[in-house]
Amino acid sequence: MQLQVMHEMSLAINIVELVSAKAQAAGGQRITSVELEAGKLSGVMVEALVFCFEAAARNTLAEGAFLEIREIEGRGNCLACGHSFIVDSLLGQCPQCDGYAVEIVQGRELKVLSLIVDEE
């Protein structure tokens, strides 16, 4: 568990640095909200990331910002039969043909979708 929280803390620090740089470039004085998209296959523990974001944001433009995280389902395409389906692990099995040659096409991402900046 401790290693996982360290992973989320590293992610949170990077997110705070990224959004702070974007806010500064836009002339912002304070970030009020950050919206992320996190794939369910990304390995990110959402609750831990929220906790770590709050700690990482202290004494930055993002201090006190609301963090909204949208979780995205995993999706795979079967390379054998072409069927597209929801997967809950990186080792998905096609429900159509029972094949294991599955390309993960969604669910591993972690990206900043938007931020709201207060200019005053």
PDB file of N, CA and C in Angstrom:
ATOM      1  N   MET A   1       0.826  -1.204   0.000  1.00  0.00           N
ATOM      2  CA  MET A   1       0.000   0.000   0.000  1.00  0.00           C
ATOM      3  C   MET A   1       0.862   1.256   0.000  1.00  0.00           C
ATOM      4  N   GLN A   2       1.970   1.246   0.754  1.00  0.00           N
ATOM      5  CA  GLN A   2       2.814   2.426   0.838  1.00  0.00           C
ATOM      6  C   GLN A   2       3.412   2.774  -0.524  1.00  0.00           C
ATOM      7  N   LEU A   3       3.848   1.765  -1.287  1.00  0.00           N
ATOM      8  CA  LEU A   3       4.384   2.033  -2.616  1.00  0.00           C
ATOM      9  C   LEU A   3       3.321   2.620  -3.527  1.00  0.00           C
ATOM     10  N   GLN A   4       2.092   2.132  -3.409  1.00  0.00           N
ATOM     11  CA  GLN A   4       1.005   2.651  -4.236  1.00  0.00           C
ATOM     12  C   GLN A   4       0.754   4.122  -3.930  1.00  0.00           C
ATOM     13  N   VAL A   5       0.747   4.484  -2.641  1.00  0.00           N
ATOM     14  CA  VAL A   5       0.526   5.886  -2.261  1.00  0.00           C
ATOM     15  C   VAL A   5       1.685   6.748  -2.746  1.00  0.00           C
ATOM     16  N   MET A   6       2.902   6.208  -2.721  1.00  0.00           N
ATOM     17  CA  MET A   6       4.047   6.961  -3.238  1.00  0.00           C
ATOM     18  C   MET A   6       3.869   7.209  -4.738  1.00  0.00           C
ATOM     19  N   HIS A   7       3.322   6.246  -5.444  1.00  0.00           N
ATOM     20  CA  HIS A   7       3.042   6.394  -6.878  1.00  0.00           C
ATOM     21  C   HIS A   7       2.026   7.513  -7.099  1.00  0.00           C
ATOM     22  N   GLU A   8       0.954   7.514  -6.324  1.00  0.00           N
ATOM     23  CA  GLU A   8      -0.060   8.549  -6.460  1.00  0.00           C
ATOM     24  C   GLU A   8       0.487   9.913  -6.053  1.00  0.00           C
ATOM     25  N   MET A   9       1.371   9.959  -5.068  1.00  0.00           N
ATOM     26  CA  MET A   9       1.961  11.236  -4.664  1.00  0.00           C
ATOM     27  C   MET A   9       2.820  11.795  -5.793  1.00  0.00           C
ATOM     28  N   SER A  10       3.580  10.940  -6.445  1.00  0.00           N
ATOM     29  CA  SER A  10       4.384  11.374  -7.579  1.00  0.00           C
ATOM     30  C   SER A  10       3.486  11.903  -8.702  1.00  0.00           C
ATOM     31  N   LEU A  11       2.402  11.196  -8.989  1.00  0.00           N
ATOM     32  CA  LEU A  11       1.449  11.661  -9.993  1.00  0.00           C
ATOM     33  C   LEU A  11       0.838  13.000  -9.589  1.00  0.00           C
ATOM     34  N   ALA A  12       0.450  13.111  -8.325  1.00  0.00           N
ATOM     35  CA  ALA A  12      -0.175  14.343  -7.839  1.00  0.00           C
ATOM     36  C   ALA A  12       0.774  15.529  -7.957  1.00  0.00           C
ATOM     37  N   ILE A  13       2.028  15.325  -7.622  1.00  0.00           N
ATOM     38  CA  ILE A  13       3.018  16.400  -7.733  1.00  0.00           C
ATOM     39  C   ILE A  13       3.160  16.833  -9.190  1.00  0.00           C
ATOM     40  N   ASN A  14       3.225  15.858 -10.086  1.00  0.00           N
ATOM     41  CA  ASN A  14       3.333  16.182 -11.513  1.00  0.00           C
ATOM     42  C   ASN A  14       2.101  16.920 -12.019  1.00  0.00           C
ATOM     43  N   ILE A  15       0.931  16.511 -11.572  1.00  0.00           N
ATOM     44  CA  ILE A  15      -0.312  17.179 -11.981  1.00  0.00           C
ATOM     45  C   ILE A  15      -0.330  18.614 -11.471  1.00  0.00           C
ATOM     46  N   VAL A  16       0.034  18.813 -10.207  1.00  0.00           N
ATOM     47  CA  VAL A  16       0.058  20.162  -9.636  1.00  0.00           C
ATOM     48  C   VAL A  16       1.051  21.045 -10.393  1.00  0.00           C
ATOM     49  N   GLU A  17       2.222  20.505 -10.708  1.00  0.00           N
ATOM     50  CA  GLU A  17       3.208  21.286 -11.462  1.00  0.00           C
ATOM     51  C   GLU A  17       2.680  21.656 -12.842  1.00  0.00           C
ATOM     52  N   LEU A  18       2.041  20.711 -13.506  1.00  0.00           N
ATOM     53  CA  LEU A  18       1.495  20.949 -14.840  1.00  0.00           C
ATOM     54  C   LEU A  18       0.402  22.013 -14.831  1.00  0.00           C
ATOM     55  N   VAL A  19      -0.574  21.853 -13.953  1.00  0.00           N
ATOM     56  CA  VAL A  19      -1.685  22.818 -13.941  1.00  0.00           C
ATOM     57  C   VAL A  19      -1.237  24.182 -13.426  1.00  0.00           C
ATOM     58  N   SER A  20      -0.277  24.210 -12.513  1.00  0.00           N
ATOM     59  CA  SER A  20       0.241  25.489 -12.023  1.00  0.00           C
ATOM     60  C   SER A  20       0.948  26.248 -13.134  1.00  0.00           C
ATOM     61  N   ALA A  21       1.738  25.532 -13.932  1.00  0.00           N
ATOM     62  CA  ALA A  21       2.432  26.166 -15.056  1.00  0.00           C
ATOM     63  C   ALA A  21       1.427  26.702 -16.077  1.00  0.00           C
ATOM     64  N   LYS A  22       0.386  25.933 -16.362  1.00  0.00           N
ATOM     65  CA  LYS A  22      -0.647  26.379 -17.310  1.00  0.00           C
ATOM     66  C   LYS A  22      -1.393  27.594 -16.761  1.00  0.00           C
ATOM     67  N   ALA A  23      -1.709  27.565 -15.471  1.00  0.00           N
ATOM     68  CA  ALA A  23      -2.425  28.688 -14.855  1.00  0.00           C
ATOM     69  C   ALA A  23      -1.571  29.953 -14.872  1.00  0.00           C
ATOM     70  N   GLN A  24      -0.299  29.822 -14.536  1.00  0.00           N
ATOM     71  CA  GLN A  24       0.603  30.971 -14.556  1.00  0.00           C
ATOM     72  C   GLN A  24       0.721  31.548 -15.956  1.00  0.00           C
ATOM     73  N   ALA A  25       0.858  30.676 -16.957  1.00  0.00           N
ATOM     74  CA  ALA A  25       0.975  31.124 -18.343  1.00  0.00           C
ATOM     75  C   ALA A  25      -0.271  31.879 -18.791  1.00  0.00           C
ATOM     76  N   ALA A  26      -1.413  31.539 -18.206  1.00  0.00           N
ATOM     77  CA  ALA A  26      -2.669  32.214 -18.551  1.00  0.00           C
ATOM     78  C   ALA A  26      -2.924  33.438 -17.674  1.00  0.00           C
ATOM     79  N   GLY A  27      -1.992  33.754 -16.790  1.00  0.00           N
ATOM     80  CA  GLY A  27      -2.149  34.910 -15.920  1.00  0.00           C
ATOM     81  C   GLY A  27      -3.009  34.642 -14.702  1.00  0.00           C
ATOM     82  N   GLY A  28      -3.227  33.411 -14.381  1.00  0.00           N
ATOM     83  CA  GLY A  28      -4.067  33.043 -13.239  1.00  0.00           C
ATOM     84  C   GLY A  28      -3.357  33.206 -11.911  1.00  0.00           C
ATOM     85  N   GLN A  29      -4.137  33.508 -10.908  1.00  0.00           N
ATOM     86  CA  GLN A  29      -3.603  33.665  -9.556  1.00  0.00           C
ATOM     87  C   GLN A  29      -3.902  32.464  -8.661  1.00  0.00           C
ATOM     88  N   ARG A  30      -4.957  31.725  -9.040  1.00  0.00           N
ATOM     89  CA  ARG A  30      -5.383  30.603  -8.199  1.00  0.00           C
ATOM     90  C   ARG A  30      -6.174  29.625  -9.056  1.00  0.00           C
ATOM     91  N   ILE A  31      -5.941  28.348  -8.833  1.00  0.00           N
ATOM     92  CA  ILE A  31      -6.689  27.296  -9.520  1.00  0.00           C
ATOM     93  C   ILE A  31      -7.820  26.871  -8.603  1.00  0.00           C
ATOM     94  N   THR A  32      -9.040  26.896  -9.100  1.00  0.00           N
ATOM     95  CA  THR A  32     -10.179  26.528  -8.264  1.00  0.00           C
ATOM     96  C   THR A  32     -10.670  25.111  -8.519  1.00  0.00           C
ATOM     97  N   SER A  33     -10.383  24.575  -9.724  1.00  0.00           N
ATOM     98  CA  SER A  33     -10.875  23.247 -10.053  1.00  0.00           C
ATOM     99  C   SER A  33      -9.977  22.591 -11.102  1.00  0.00           C
ATOM    100  N   VAL A  34      -9.770  21.290 -10.945  1.00  0.00           N
ATOM    101  CA  VAL A  34      -9.007  20.502 -11.908  1.00  0.00           C
ATOM    102  C   VAL A  34      -9.833  19.266 -12.229  1.00  0.00           C
ATOM    103  N   GLU A  35      -9.970  18.981 -13.518  1.00  0.00           N
ATOM    104  CA  GLU A  35     -10.720  17.803 -13.947  1.00  0.00           C
ATOM    105  C   GLU A  35      -9.763  16.842 -14.650  1.00  0.00           C
ATOM    106  N   LEU A  36      -9.730  15.606 -14.149  1.00  0.00           N
ATOM    107  CA  LEU A  36      -8.874  14.570 -14.721  1.00  0.00           C
ATOM    108  C   LEU A  36      -9.707  13.448 -15.304  1.00  0.00           C
ATOM    109  N   GLU A  37      -9.091  12.710 -16.195  1.00  0.00           N
ATOM    110  CA  GLU A  37      -9.665  11.479 -16.723  1.00  0.00           C
ATOM    111  C   GLU A  37      -8.671  10.375 -16.378  1.00  0.00           C
ATOM    112  N   ALA A  38      -9.145   9.341 -15.679  1.00  0.00           N
ATOM    113  CA  ALA A  38      -8.283   8.235 -15.282  1.00  0.00           C
ATOM    114  C   ALA A  38      -8.911   6.923 -15.718  1.00  0.00           C
ATOM    115  N   GLY A  39      -8.181   6.187 -16.512  1.00  0.00           N
ATOM    116  CA  GLY A  39      -8.662   4.890 -16.954  1.00  0.00           C
ATOM    117  C   GLY A  39      -8.632   3.879 -15.818  1.00  0.00           C
ATOM    118  N   LYS A  40      -9.613   3.012 -15.799  1.00  0.00           N
ATOM    119  CA  LYS A  40      -9.685   1.993 -14.747  1.00  0.00           C
ATOM    120  C   LYS A  40      -8.557   0.975 -14.856  1.00  0.00           C
ATOM    121  N   LEU A  41      -7.856   0.952 -15.985  1.00  0.00           N
ATOM    122  CA  LEU A  41      -6.730   0.052 -16.165  1.00  0.00           C
ATOM    123  C   LEU A  41      -5.391   0.764 -15.986  1.00  0.00           C
ATOM    124  N   SER A  42      -5.420   2.013 -15.552  1.00  0.00           N
ATOM    125  CA  SER A  42      -4.199   2.812 -15.429  1.00  0.00           C
ATOM    126  C   SER A  42      -3.390   2.479 -14.182  1.00  0.00           C
ATOM    127  N   GLY A  43      -3.977   1.773 -13.254  1.00  0.00           N
ATOM    128  CA  GLY A  43      -3.274   1.450 -12.018  1.00  0.00           C
ATOM    129  C   GLY A  43      -3.351   2.557 -10.980  1.00  0.00           C
ATOM    130  N   VAL A  44      -4.140   3.569 -11.228  1.00  0.00           N
ATOM    131  CA  VAL A  44      -4.266   4.699 -10.301  1.00  0.00           C
ATOM    132  C   VAL A  44      -5.383   4.426  -9.304  1.00  0.00           C
ATOM    133  N   MET A  45      -5.066   4.578  -8.028  1.00  0.00           N
ATOM    134  CA  MET A  45      -6.085   4.496  -6.976  1.00  0.00           C
ATOM    135  C   MET A  45      -6.662   5.904  -6.814  1.00  0.00           C
ATOM    136  N   VAL A  46      -7.897   6.081  -7.228  1.00  0.00           N
ATOM    137  CA  VAL A  46      -8.513   7.404  -7.269  1.00  0.00           C
ATOM    138  C   VAL A  46      -8.536   8.059  -5.888  1.00  0.00           C
ATOM    139  N   GLU A  47      -8.939   7.321  -4.873  1.00  0.00           N
ATOM    140  CA  GLU A  47      -9.020   7.900  -3.520  1.00  0.00           C
ATOM    141  C   GLU A  47      -7.651   8.368  -3.038  1.00  0.00           C
ATOM    142  N   ALA A  48      -6.620   7.585  -3.318  1.00  0.00           N
ATOM    143  CA  ALA A  48      -5.264   7.958  -2.913  1.00  0.00           C
ATOM    144  C   ALA A  48      -4.790   9.184  -3.685  1.00  0.00           C
ATOM    145  N   LEU A  49      -5.137   9.270  -4.964  1.00  0.00           N
ATOM    146  CA  LEU A  49      -4.733  10.420  -5.770  1.00  0.00           C
ATOM    147  C   LEU A  49      -5.401  11.698  -5.262  1.00  0.00           C
ATOM    148  N   VAL A  50      -6.658  11.621  -4.875  1.00  0.00           N
ATOM    149  CA  VAL A  50      -7.354  12.791  -4.322  1.00  0.00           C
ATOM    150  C   VAL A  50      -6.656  13.256  -3.049  1.00  0.00           C
ATOM    151  N   PHE A  51      -6.338  12.319  -2.174  1.00  0.00           N
ATOM    152  CA  PHE A  51      -5.642  12.642  -0.921  1.00  0.00           C
ATOM    153  C   PHE A  51      -4.278  13.265  -1.208  1.00  0.00           C
ATOM    154  N   CYS A  52      -3.528  12.661  -2.114  1.00  0.00           N
ATOM    155  CA  CYS A  52      -2.188  13.142  -2.438  1.00  0.00           C
ATOM    156  C   CYS A  52      -2.224  14.491  -3.145  1.00  0.00           C
ATOM    157  N   PHE A  53      -3.238  14.702  -3.978  1.00  0.00           N
ATOM    158  CA  PHE A  53      -3.369  15.988  -4.665  1.00  0.00           C
ATOM    159  C   PHE A  53      -3.510  17.119  -3.651  1.00  0.00           C
ATOM    160  N   GLU A  54      -4.321  16.889  -2.644  1.00  0.00           N
ATOM    161  CA  GLU A  54      -4.516  17.920  -1.612  1.00  0.00           C
ATOM    162  C   GLU A  54      -3.193  18.257  -0.943  1.00  0.00           C
ATOM    163  N   ALA A  55      -2.399  17.247  -0.626  1.00  0.00           N
ATOM    164  CA  ALA A  55      -1.104  17.479   0.022  1.00  0.00           C
ATOM    165  C   ALA A  55      -0.122  18.142  -0.944  1.00  0.00           C
ATOM    166  N   ALA A  56      -0.088  17.686  -2.190  1.00  0.00           N
ATOM    167  CA  ALA A  56       0.853  18.226  -3.176  1.00  0.00           C
ATOM    168  C   ALA A  56       0.523  19.670  -3.538  1.00  0.00           C
ATOM    169  N   ALA A  57      -0.743  20.049  -3.425  1.00  0.00           N
ATOM    170  CA  ALA A  57      -1.181  21.385  -3.817  1.00  0.00           C
ATOM    171  C   ALA A  57      -0.884  22.453  -2.764  1.00  0.00           C
ATOM    172  N   ARG A  58      -0.515  22.048  -1.566  1.00  0.00           N
ATOM    173  CA  ARG A  58      -0.239  23.035  -0.508  1.00  0.00           C
ATOM    174  C   ARG A  58       0.826  24.022  -0.960  1.00  0.00           C
ATOM    175  N   ASN A  59       0.575  25.294  -0.691  1.00  0.00           N
ATOM    176  CA  ASN A  59       1.496  26.385  -1.009  1.00  0.00           C
ATOM    177  C   ASN A  59       1.756  26.522  -2.512  1.00  0.00           C
ATOM    178  N   THR A  60       0.781  26.150  -3.323  1.00  0.00           N
ATOM    179  CA  THR A  60       0.868  26.329  -4.780  1.00  0.00           C
ATOM    180  C   THR A  60      -0.394  27.044  -5.248  1.00  0.00           C
ATOM    181  N   LEU A  61      -0.463  27.340  -6.531  1.00  0.00           N
ATOM    182  CA  LEU A  61      -1.669  27.949  -7.090  1.00  0.00           C
ATOM    183  C   LEU A  61      -2.870  27.024  -6.992  1.00  0.00           C
ATOM    184  N   ALA A  62      -2.623  25.734  -6.819  1.00  0.00           N
ATOM    185  CA  ALA A  62      -3.710  24.745  -6.770  1.00  0.00           C
ATOM    186  C   ALA A  62      -4.196  24.452  -5.349  1.00  0.00           C
ATOM    187  N   GLU A  63      -3.655  25.149  -4.363  1.00  0.00           N
ATOM    188  CA  GLU A  63      -4.089  24.880  -2.989  1.00  0.00           C
ATOM    189  C   GLU A  63      -5.584  25.166  -2.852  1.00  0.00           C
ATOM    190  N   GLY A  64      -6.313  24.195  -2.326  1.00  0.00           N
ATOM    191  CA  GLY A  64      -7.745  24.324  -2.123  1.00  0.00           C
ATOM    192  C   GLY A  64      -8.574  24.017  -3.358  1.00  0.00           C
ATOM    193  N   ALA A  65      -7.928  23.674  -4.463  1.00  0.00           N
ATOM    194  CA  ALA A  65      -8.664  23.383  -5.706  1.00  0.00           C
ATOM    195  C   ALA A  65      -9.458  22.093  -5.558  1.00  0.00           C
ATOM    196  N   PHE A  66     -10.625  22.074  -6.175  1.00  0.00           N
ATOM    197  CA  PHE A  66     -11.453  20.875  -6.211  1.00  0.00           C
ATOM    198  C   PHE A  66     -10.918  19.966  -7.311  1.00  0.00           C
ATOM    199  N   LEU A  67     -10.695  18.699  -6.986  1.00  0.00           N
ATOM    200  CA  LEU A  67     -10.205  17.729  -7.962  1.00  0.00           C
ATOM    201  C   LEU A  67     -11.331  16.783  -8.323  1.00  0.00           C
ATOM    202  N   GLU A  68     -11.712  16.808  -9.594  1.00  0.00           N
ATOM    203  CA  GLU A  68     -12.738  15.894 -10.089  1.00  0.00           C
ATOM    204  C   GLU A  68     -12.054  14.874 -10.991  1.00  0.00           C
ATOM    205  N   ILE A  69     -12.310  13.592 -10.718  1.00  0.00           N
ATOM    206  CA  ILE A  69     -11.707  12.532 -11.517  1.00  0.00           C
ATOM    207  C   ILE A  69     -12.807  11.710 -12.163  1.00  0.00           C
ATOM    208  N   ARG A  70     -12.786  11.669 -13.484  1.00  0.00           N
ATOM    209  CA  ARG A  70     -13.722  10.829 -14.243  1.00  0.00           C
ATOM    210  C   ARG A  70     -13.021   9.516 -14.539  1.00  0.00           C
ATOM    211  N   GLU A  71     -13.612   8.431 -14.085  1.00  0.00           N
ATOM    212  CA  GLU A  71     -13.025   7.121 -14.373  1.00  0.00           C
ATOM    213  C   GLU A  71     -13.556   6.601 -15.708  1.00  0.00           C
ATOM    214  N   ILE A  72     -12.663   6.112 -16.534  1.00  0.00           N
ATOM    215  CA  ILE A  72     -12.992   5.623 -17.867  1.00  0.00           C
ATOM    216  C   ILE A  72     -12.870   4.098 -17.886  1.00  0.00           C
ATOM    217  N   GLU A  73     -13.906   3.458 -18.400  1.00  0.00           N
ATOM    218  CA  GLU A  73     -13.904   1.991 -18.526  1.00  0.00           C
ATOM    219  C   GLU A  73     -12.774   1.535 -19.441  1.00  0.00           C
ATOM    220  N   GLY A  74     -12.293   0.324 -19.175  1.00  0.00           N
ATOM    221  CA  GLY A  74     -11.354  -0.295 -20.088  1.00  0.00           C
ATOM    222  C   GLY A  74     -12.106  -0.863 -21.280  1.00  0.00           C
ATOM    223  N   ARG A  75     -11.492  -0.784 -22.434  1.00  0.00           N
ATOM    224  CA  ARG A  75     -12.120  -1.313 -23.645  1.00  0.00           C
ATOM    225  C   ARG A  75     -11.044  -2.000 -24.459  1.00  0.00           C
ATOM    226  N   GLY A  76     -11.406  -3.160 -24.999  1.00  0.00           N
ATOM    227  CA  GLY A  76     -10.472  -3.919 -25.822  1.00  0.00           C
ATOM    228  C   GLY A  76     -11.089  -4.314 -27.143  1.00  0.00           C
ATOM    229  N   ASN A  77     -10.224  -4.547 -28.108  1.00  0.00           N
ATOM    230  CA  ASN A  77     -10.636  -5.058 -29.408  1.00  0.00           C
ATOM    231  C   ASN A  77      -9.966  -6.412 -29.605  1.00  0.00           C
ATOM    232  N   CYS A  78     -10.755  -7.407 -29.961  1.00  0.00           N
ATOM    233  CA  CYS A  78     -10.223  -8.738 -30.223  1.00  0.00           C
ATOM    234  C   CYS A  78      -9.521  -8.721 -31.584  1.00  0.00           C
ATOM    235  N   LEU A  79      -8.285  -9.145 -31.598  1.00  0.00           N
ATOM    236  CA  LEU A  79      -7.526  -9.165 -32.844  1.00  0.00           C
ATOM    237  C   LEU A  79      -7.916 -10.343 -33.725  1.00  0.00           C
ATOM    238  N   ALA A  80      -8.582 -11.336 -33.138  1.00  0.00           N
ATOM    239  CA  ALA A  80      -8.992 -12.510 -33.911  1.00  0.00           C
ATOM    240  C   ALA A  80     -10.317 -12.284 -34.641  1.00  0.00           C
ATOM    241  N   CYS A  81     -11.320 -11.781 -33.912  1.00  0.00           N
ATOM    242  CA  CYS A  81     -12.652 -11.660 -34.530  1.00  0.00           C
ATOM    243  C   CYS A  81     -13.126 -10.221 -34.699  1.00  0.00           C
ATOM    244  N   GLY A  82     -12.377  -9.254 -34.143  1.00  0.00           N
ATOM    245  CA  GLY A  82     -12.733  -7.853 -34.309  1.00  0.00           C
ATOM    246  C   GLY A  82     -13.752  -7.310 -33.328  1.00  0.00           C
ATOM    247  N   HIS A  83     -14.218  -8.148 -32.400  1.00  0.00           N
ATOM    248  CA  HIS A  83     -15.226  -7.726 -31.432  1.00  0.00           C
ATOM    249  C   HIS A  83     -14.631  -6.684 -30.475  1.00  0.00           C
ATOM    250  N   SER A  84     -15.401  -5.633 -30.170  1.00  0.00           N
ATOM    251  CA  SER A  84     -15.019  -4.600 -29.218  1.00  0.00           C
ATOM    252  C   SER A  84     -15.836  -4.798 -27.949  1.00  0.00           C
ATOM    253  N   PHE A  85     -15.165  -4.736 -26.776  1.00  0.00           N
ATOM    254  CA  PHE A  85     -15.862  -5.037 -25.529  1.00  0.00           C
ATOM    255  C   PHE A  85     -15.164  -4.379 -24.340  1.00  0.00           C
ATOM    256  N   ILE A  86     -15.899  -4.277 -23.241  1.00  0.00           N
ATOM    257  CA  ILE A  86     -15.370  -3.719 -21.997  1.00  0.00           C
ATOM    258  C   ILE A  86     -14.504  -4.763 -21.310  1.00  0.00           C
ATOM    259  N   VAL A  87     -13.327  -4.322 -20.844  1.00  0.00           N
ATOM    260  CA  VAL A  87     -12.415  -5.215 -20.123  1.00  0.00           C
ATOM    261  C   VAL A  87     -12.163  -4.638 -18.735  1.00  0.00           C
ATOM    262  N   ASP A  88     -11.926  -5.512 -17.781  1.00  0.00           N
ATOM    263  CA  ASP A  88     -11.639  -5.043 -16.421  1.00  0.00           C
ATOM    264  C   ASP A  88     -10.228  -5.398 -15.983  1.00  0.00           C
ATOM    265  N   SER A  89      -9.425  -5.922 -16.903  1.00  0.00           N
ATOM    266  CA  SER A  89      -8.011  -6.170 -16.617  1.00  0.00           C
ATOM    267  C   SER A  89      -7.243  -6.089 -17.926  1.00  0.00           C
ATOM    268  N   LEU A  90      -5.934  -5.961 -17.812  1.00  0.00           N
ATOM    269  CA  LEU A  90      -5.102  -5.867 -19.001  1.00  0.00           C
ATOM    270  C   LEU A  90      -5.012  -7.192 -19.753  1.00  0.00           C
ATOM    271  N   LEU A  91      -5.439  -8.259 -19.111  1.00  0.00           N
ATOM    272  CA  LEU A  91      -5.443  -9.582 -19.738  1.00  0.00           C
ATOM    273  C   LEU A  91      -6.873  -9.991 -20.027  1.00  0.00           C
ATOM    274  N   GLY A  92      -7.488  -9.300 -20.960  1.00  0.00           N
ATOM    275  CA  GLY A  92      -8.884  -9.556 -21.284  1.00  0.00           C
ATOM    276  C   GLY A  92      -9.060 -10.743 -22.213  1.00  0.00           C
ATOM    277  N   GLN A  93     -10.210 -11.381 -22.079  1.00  0.00           N
ATOM    278  CA  GLN A  93     -10.587 -12.481 -22.963  1.00  0.00           C
ATOM    279  C   GLN A  93     -11.833 -12.066 -23.731  1.00  0.00           C
ATOM    280  N   CYS A  94     -11.821 -12.303 -25.023  1.00  0.00           N
ATOM    281  CA  CYS A  94     -12.944 -11.915 -25.873  1.00  0.00           C
ATOM    282  C   CYS A  94     -14.176 -12.748 -25.517  1.00  0.00           C
ATOM    283  N   PRO A  95     -15.294 -12.089 -25.206  1.00  0.00           N
ATOM    284  CA  PRO A  95     -16.512 -12.831 -24.894  1.00  0.00           C
ATOM    285  C   PRO A  95     -17.163 -13.441 -26.140  1.00  0.00           C
ATOM    286  N   GLN A  96     -16.738 -13.004 -27.303  1.00  0.00           N
ATOM    287  CA  GLN A  96     -17.309 -13.492 -28.558  1.00  0.00           C
ATOM    288  C   GLN A  96     -16.664 -14.814 -29.001  1.00  0.00           C
ATOM    289  N   CYS A  97     -15.318 -14.842 -29.014  1.00  0.00           N
ATOM    290  CA  CYS A  97     -14.618 -16.018 -29.541  1.00  0.00           C
ATOM    291  C   CYS A  97     -13.715 -16.693 -28.512  1.00  0.00           C
ATOM    292  N   ASP A  98     -13.684 -16.165 -27.273  1.00  0.00           N
ATOM    293  CA  ASP A  98     -12.849 -16.674 -26.183  1.00  0.00           C
ATOM    294  C   ASP A  98     -11.350 -16.510 -26.437  1.00  0.00           C
ATOM    295  N   GLY A  99     -10.987 -15.690 -27.401  1.00  0.00           N
ATOM    296  CA  GLY A  99      -9.578 -15.463 -27.700  1.00  0.00           C
ATOM    297  C   GLY A  99      -8.928 -14.520 -26.701  1.00  0.00           C
ATOM    298  N   TYR A 100      -7.604 -14.624 -26.583  1.00  0.00           N
ATOM    299  CA  TYR A 100      -6.835 -13.767 -25.677  1.00  0.00           C
ATOM    300  C   TYR A 100      -6.005 -12.717 -26.408  1.00  0.00           C
ATOM    301  N   ALA A 101      -6.077 -12.679 -27.719  1.00  0.00           N
ATOM    302  CA  ALA A 101      -5.345 -11.671 -28.492  1.00  0.00           C
ATOM    303  C   ALA A 101      -6.190 -10.394 -28.502  1.00  0.00           C
ATOM    304  N   VAL A 102      -6.055  -9.635 -27.409  1.00  0.00           N
ATOM    305  CA  VAL A 102      -6.885  -8.452 -27.210  1.00  0.00           C
ATOM    306  C   VAL A 102      -5.996  -7.211 -27.141  1.00  0.00           C
ATOM    307  N   GLU A 103      -6.341  -6.232 -27.945  1.00  0.00           N
ATOM    308  CA  GLU A 103      -5.649  -4.948 -27.904  1.00  0.00           C
ATOM    309  C   GLU A 103      -6.449  -4.011 -27.002  1.00  0.00           C
ATOM    310  N   ILE A 104      -5.793  -3.495 -25.968  1.00  0.00           N
ATOM    311  CA  ILE A 104      -6.439  -2.535 -25.076  1.00  0.00           C
ATOM    312  C   ILE A 104      -6.422  -1.178 -25.768  1.00  0.00           C
ATOM    313  N   VAL A 105      -7.604  -0.615 -26.001  1.00  0.00           N
ATOM    314  CA  VAL A 105      -7.701   0.647 -26.727  1.00  0.00           C
ATOM    315  C   VAL A 105      -8.181   1.807 -25.849  1.00  0.00           C
ATOM    316  N   GLN A 106      -8.612   1.497 -24.641  1.00  0.00           N
ATOM    317  CA  GLN A 106      -9.093   2.545 -23.734  1.00  0.00           C
ATOM    318  C   GLN A 106      -8.995   2.037 -22.313  1.00  0.00           C
ATOM    319  N   GLY A 107      -8.673   2.957 -21.401  1.00  0.00           N
ATOM    320  CA  GLY A 107      -8.690   2.614 -19.985  1.00  0.00           C
ATOM    321  C   GLY A 107      -7.354   2.735 -19.293  1.00  0.00           C
ATOM    322  N   ARG A 108      -6.278   3.008 -20.042  1.00  0.00           N
ATOM    323  CA  ARG A 108      -4.958   3.146 -19.419  1.00  0.00           C
ATOM    324  C   ARG A 108      -4.531   4.605 -19.283  1.00  0.00           C
ATOM    325  N   GLU A 109      -5.368   5.528 -19.744  1.00  0.00           N
ATOM    326  CA  GLU A 109      -4.988   6.929 -19.771  1.00  0.00           C
ATOM    327  C   GLU A 109      -5.104   7.613 -18.402  1.00  0.00           C
ATOM    328  N   LEU A 110      -4.324   8.664 -18.267  1.00  0.00           N
ATOM    329  CA  LEU A 110      -4.443   9.593 -17.142  1.00  0.00           C
ATOM    330  C   LEU A 110      -4.115  10.957 -17.728  1.00  0.00           C
ATOM    331  N   LYS A 111      -5.130  11.817 -17.812  1.00  0.00           N
ATOM    332  CA  LYS A 111      -4.876  13.119 -18.424  1.00  0.00           C
ATOM    333  C   LYS A 111      -5.709  14.208 -17.765  1.00  0.00           C
ATOM    334  N   VAL A 112      -5.178  15.409 -17.837  1.00  0.00           N
ATOM    335  CA  VAL A 112      -5.879  16.596 -17.358  1.00  0.00           C
ATOM    336  C   VAL A 112      -6.825  17.032 -18.468  1.00  0.00           C
ATOM    337  N   LEU A 113      -8.107  17.088 -18.150  1.00  0.00           N
ATOM    338  CA  LEU A 113      -9.104  17.528 -19.129  1.00  0.00           C
ATOM    339  C   LEU A 113      -9.290  19.029 -19.106  1.00  0.00           C
ATOM    340  N   SER A 114      -9.346  19.601 -17.895  1.00  0.00           N
ATOM    341  CA  SER A 114      -9.571  21.039 -17.798  1.00  0.00           C
ATOM    342  C   SER A 114      -9.145  21.547 -16.430  1.00  0.00           C
ATOM    343  N   LEU A 115      -9.004  22.850 -16.350  1.00  0.00           N
ATOM    344  CA  LEU A 115      -8.784  23.504 -15.057  1.00  0.00           C
ATOM    345  C   LEU A 115      -9.482  24.853 -15.099  1.00  0.00           C
ATOM    346  N   ILE A 116      -9.951  25.267 -13.957  1.00  0.00           N
ATOM    347  CA  ILE A 116     -10.598  26.569 -13.831  1.00  0.00           C
ATOM    348  C   ILE A 116      -9.658  27.444 -13.008  1.00  0.00           C
ATOM    349  N   VAL A 117      -9.361  28.608 -13.555  1.00  0.00           N
ATOM    350  CA  VAL A 117      -8.383  29.512 -12.950  1.00  0.00           C
ATOM    351  C   VAL A 117      -9.066  30.806 -12.581  1.00  0.00           C
ATOM    352  N   ASP A 118      -8.754  31.296 -11.389  1.00  0.00           N
ATOM    353  CA  ASP A 118      -9.253  32.588 -10.923  1.00  0.00           C
ATOM    354  C   ASP A 118      -8.158  33.601 -11.211  1.00  0.00           C
ATOM    355  N   GLU A 119      -8.505  34.651 -11.912  1.00  0.00           N
ATOM    356  CA  GLU A 119      -7.503  35.643 -12.309  1.00  0.00           C
ATOM    357  C   GLU A 119      -7.267  36.704 -11.250  1.00  0.00           C
ATOM    358  N   GLU A 120      -8.035  36.692 -10.184  1.00  0.00           N
ATOM    359  CA  GLU A 120      -7.858  37.718  -9.137  1.00  0.00           C
ATOM    360  C   GLU A 120      -7.205  37.143  -7.911  1.00  0.00           C
TER     361      GLU A 120
END
